[in-house]
C-alpha atoms as a PDB file:
ATOM      1  CA  MET A   1       0.000   0.000   0.000  1.00  0.00           C
ATOM      2  CA  PRO A   2       1.513   3.360  -0.959  1.00  0.00           C
ATOM      3  CA  ARG A   3       2.337   5.963   1.649  1.00  0.00           C
ATOM      4  CA  ALA A   4      -0.363   8.607   2.133  1.00  0.00           C
ATOM      5  CA  ARG A   5       1.010  12.082   1.571  1.00  0.00           C
ATOM      6  CA  GLY A   6      -1.028  15.130   2.577  1.00  0.00           C
ATOM      7  CA  GLY A   7      -2.030  16.054  -0.929  1.00  0.00           C
ATOM      8  CA  ALA A   8      -5.044  18.306  -1.287  1.00  0.00           C
ATOM      9  CA  LYS A   9      -5.686  18.745   2.436  1.00  0.00           C
ATOM     10  CA  THR A  10      -2.130  19.849   3.149  1.00  0.00           C
ATOM     11  CA  ARG A  11      -2.205  22.281   0.259  1.00  0.00           C
ATOM     12  CA  GLN A  12      -5.538  23.715   1.458  1.00  0.00           C
ATOM     13  CA  ARG A  13      -4.237  24.132   4.996  1.00  0.00           C
ATOM     14  CA  ARG A  14      -1.065  25.868   3.794  1.00  0.00           C
ATOM     15  CA  LYS A  15      -2.936  28.099   1.356  1.00  0.00           C
ATOM     16  CA  LYS A  16      -5.239  29.181   4.170  1.00  0.00           C
ATOM     17  CA  ILE A  17      -2.259  30.321   6.272  1.00  0.00           C
ATOM     18  CA  LEU A  18      -0.523  32.017   3.343  1.00  0.00           C
ATOM     19  CA  LYS A  19      -3.734  33.837   2.466  1.00  0.00           C
ATOM     20  CA  LYS A  20      -3.893  35.223   6.018  1.00  0.00           C
ATOM     21  CA  ALA A  21      -0.254  36.314   5.658  1.00  0.00           C
ATOM     22  CA  LYS A  22      -1.074  38.441   2.617  1.00  0.00           C
ATOM     23  CA  GLY A  23       0.432  41.898   3.037  1.00  0.00           C
ATOM     24  CA  TYR A  24       3.303  40.748   5.242  1.00  0.00           C
ATOM     25  CA  VAL A  25       6.855  41.524   4.105  1.00  0.00           C
ATOM     26  CA  GLY A  26       9.414  39.066   2.699  1.00  0.00           C
ATOM     27  CA  GLY A  27       9.452  35.475   3.886  1.00  0.00           C
ATOM     28  CA  ARG A  28       6.656  36.145   6.320  1.00  0.00           C
ATOM     29  CA  ARG A  29       4.385  36.221   3.289  1.00  0.00           C
ATOM     30  CA  LYS A  30       5.994  33.605   1.067  1.00  0.00           C
ATOM     31  CA  LEU A  31       7.402  30.872   3.335  1.00  0.00           C
ATOM     32  CA  TYR A  32       4.884  28.629   5.057  1.00  0.00           C
ATOM     33  CA  ARG A  33       6.710  28.089   8.333  1.00  0.00           C
ATOM     34  CA  THR A  34       7.489  31.753   9.048  1.00  0.00           C
ATOM     35  CA  ALA A  35       4.053  32.781   7.770  1.00  0.00           C
ATOM     36  CA  ALA A  36       2.404  30.303  10.145  1.00  0.00           C
ATOM     37  CA  GLU A  37       4.353  31.692  13.129  1.00  0.00           C
ATOM     38  CA  THR A  38       3.544  35.263  12.188  1.00  0.00           C
ATOM     39  CA  VAL A  39      -0.162  34.580  11.580  1.00  0.00           C
ATOM     40  CA  LEU A  40      -0.438  32.828  14.951  1.00  0.00           C
ATOM     41  CA  ARG A  41       1.244  35.746  16.702  1.00  0.00           C
ATOM     42  CA  ALA A  42      -0.902  38.267  14.823  1.00  0.00           C
ATOM     43  CA  GLY A  43      -4.015  36.419  15.954  1.00  0.00           C
ATOM     44  CA  ALA A  44      -2.890  36.627  19.582  1.00  0.00           C
ATOM     45  CA  PHE A  45      -2.282  40.368  19.254  1.00  0.00           C
ATOM     46  CA  ALA A  46      -5.647  40.864  17.553  1.00  0.00           C
ATOM     47  CA  TYR A  47      -7.448  39.014  20.359  1.00  0.00           C
ATOM     48  CA  ARG A  48      -5.644  41.023  23.036  1.00  0.00           C
ATOM     49  CA  HIS A  49      -6.219  44.343  21.324  1.00  0.00           C
ATOM     50  CA  ARG A  50      -9.935  43.755  20.817  1.00  0.00           C
ATOM     51  CA  LYS A  51     -10.200  43.780  24.613  1.00  0.00           C
ATOM     52  CA  GLN A  52      -7.851  46.740  24.926  1.00  0.00           C
ATOM     53  CA  LYS A  53      -9.861  48.725  22.376  1.00  0.00           C
ATOM     54  CA  LYS A  54     -12.916  48.596  24.650  1.00  0.00           C
ATOM     55  CA  ARG A  55     -10.913  49.840  27.642  1.00  0.00           C
ATOM     56  CA  LEU A  56      -9.397  52.688  25.650  1.00  0.00           C
ATOM     57  CA  ALA A  57     -12.796  53.712  24.269  1.00  0.00           C
ATOM     58  CA  ARG A  58     -14.297  53.878  27.771  1.00  0.00           C
ATOM     59  CA  GLY A  59     -11.369  56.014  28.945  1.00  0.00           C
ATOM     60  CA  LEU A  60     -11.890  58.397  26.050  1.00  0.00           C
ATOM     61  CA  TRP A  61     -15.612  58.706  26.832  1.00  0.00           C
ATOM     62  CA  ILE A  62     -14.818  59.532  30.458  1.00  0.00           C
ATOM     63  CA  VAL A  63     -12.301  62.205  29.419  1.00  0.00           C
ATOM     64  CA  ARG A  64     -14.855  63.807  27.085  1.00  0.00           C
ATOM     65  CA  ILE A  65     -17.633  63.759  29.674  1.00  0.00           C
ATOM     66  CA  ASN A  66     -15.310  65.210  32.297  1.00  0.00           C
ATOM     67  CA  ALA A  67     -14.255  68.046  29.962  1.00  0.00           C
ATOM     68  CA  ALA A  68     -17.896  68.893  29.198  1.00  0.00           C
ATOM     69  CA  CYS A  69     -18.784  68.749  32.909  1.00  0.00           C
ATOM     70  CA  ARG A  70     -15.970  71.141  33.803  1.00  0.00           C
ATOM     71  CA  GLN A  71     -17.275  73.624  31.229  1.00  0.00           C
ATOM     72  CA  VAL A  72     -20.628  73.743  33.029  1.00  0.00           C
ATOM     73  CA  GLY A  73     -19.046  73.849  36.482  1.00  0.00           C
ATOM     74  CA  LEU A  74     -19.402  70.246  37.680  1.00  0.00           C
ATOM     75  CA  SER A  75     -16.946  67.478  38.362  1.00  0.00           C
ATOM     76  CA  TYR A  76     -17.276  64.134  36.592  1.00  0.00           C
ATOM     77  CA  SER A  77     -17.934  62.156  39.762  1.00  0.00           C
ATOM     78  CA  VAL A  78     -20.633  64.531  41.042  1.00  0.00           C
ATOM     79  CA  PHE A  79     -22.271  64.571  37.605  1.00  0.00           C
ATOM     80  CA  MET A  80     -22.362  60.784  37.266  1.00  0.00           C
ATOM     81  CA  ALA A  81     -23.601  60.274  40.828  1.00  0.00           C
ATOM     82  CA  ALA A  82     -26.360  62.855  40.334  1.00  0.00           C
ATOM     83  CA  LEU A  83     -27.478  61.257  37.055  1.00  0.00           C
ATOM     84  CA  LYS A  84     -27.692  57.897  38.771  1.00  0.00           C
ATOM     85  CA  LYS A  85     -29.648  59.424  41.657  1.00  0.00           C
ATOM     86  CA  ALA A  86     -32.024  61.116  39.187  1.00  0.00           C
ATOM     87  CA  GLY A  87     -32.649  57.778  37.463  1.00  0.00           C
ATOM     88  CA  ILE A  88     -31.139  58.844  34.148  1.00  0.00           C
ATOM     89  CA  GLY A  89     -29.717  55.630  32.713  1.00  0.00           C
ATOM     90  CA  LEU A  90     -27.562  56.960  29.871  1.00  0.00           C
ATOM     91  CA  ASP A  91     -24.262  55.156  29.431  1.00  0.00           C
ATOM     92  CA  ARG A  92     -20.901  56.858  29.023  1.00  0.00           C
ATOM     93  CA  LYS A  93     -20.821  56.306  25.265  1.00  0.00           C
ATOM     94  CA  VAL A  94     -24.066  58.234  24.753  1.00  0.00           C
ATOM     95  CA  LEU A  95     -23.080  60.946  27.236  1.00  0.00           C
ATOM     96  CA  ALA A  96     -19.750  61.462  25.440  1.00  0.00           C
ATOM     97  CA  GLU A  97     -21.580  61.670  22.109  1.00  0.00           C
ATOM     98  CA  LEU A  98     -23.921  64.310  23.539  1.00  0.00           C
ATOM     99  CA  ALA A  99     -21.013  66.236  25.037  1.00  0.00           C
ATOM    100  CA  VAL A 100     -19.273  66.448  21.658  1.00  0.00           C
ATOM    101  CA  ASN A 101     -22.181  66.801  19.212  1.00  0.00           C
ATOM    102  CA  ASP A 102     -25.048  68.363  21.194  1.00  0.00           C
ATOM    103  CA  PRO A 103     -23.770  70.677  23.949  1.00  0.00           C
ATOM    104  CA  GLN A 104     -27.261  72.113  24.618  1.00  0.00           C
ATOM    105  CA  ALA A 105     -28.675  68.690  25.486  1.00  0.00           C
ATOM    106  CA  PHE A 106     -25.646  67.986  27.665  1.00  0.00           C
ATOM    107  CA  ALA A 107     -26.140  71.326  29.433  1.00  0.00           C
ATOM    108  CA  LYS A 108     -29.746  70.330  30.222  1.00  0.00           C
ATOM    109  CA  LEU A 109     -28.504  67.049  31.663  1.00  0.00           C
ATOM    110  CA  ALA A 110     -25.957  69.010  33.700  1.00  0.00           C
ATOM    111  CA  GLU A 111     -28.711  71.250  35.083  1.00  0.00           C
ATOM    112  CA  THR A 112     -30.733  68.184  36.053  1.00  0.00           C
ATOM    113  CA  ALA A 113     -27.651  66.765  37.732  1.00  0.00           C
ATOM    114  CA  ARG A 114     -26.920  70.042  39.504  1.00  0.00           C
ATOM    115  CA  ALA A 115     -30.492  70.152  40.871  1.00  0.00           C
ATOM    116  CA  GLN A 116     -30.238  66.534  41.998  1.00  0.00           C
ATOM    117  CA  ALA A 117     -26.837  67.070  43.646  1.00  0.00           C
ATOM    118  CA  ARG A 118     -28.229  69.696  46.042  1.00  0.00           C
END
């Protein structure tokens, strides 16, 4: 019985890796072994950075809300606590969007928070 060599399956598996390595430079794109290492490492970075992206976005929202709060004479912590006390359930993403794109609406929220804080 002849020896079974990978054949079509091996070629498919290697092509899949090399396709993912498209755009890499030099041997990282052309050579299977180095491409496989690089693709594996890239996948690990991509997984890690998807989590990091969420943390960074939340930090940016907080900075934007804080800046808008300071303009109307409130601190971030007082503003957020007052909104929670008033039962306004807007998340930080929406609040940051309001702070940047609709300052009048944010000012109304700030007045509500100021009234609740007293």
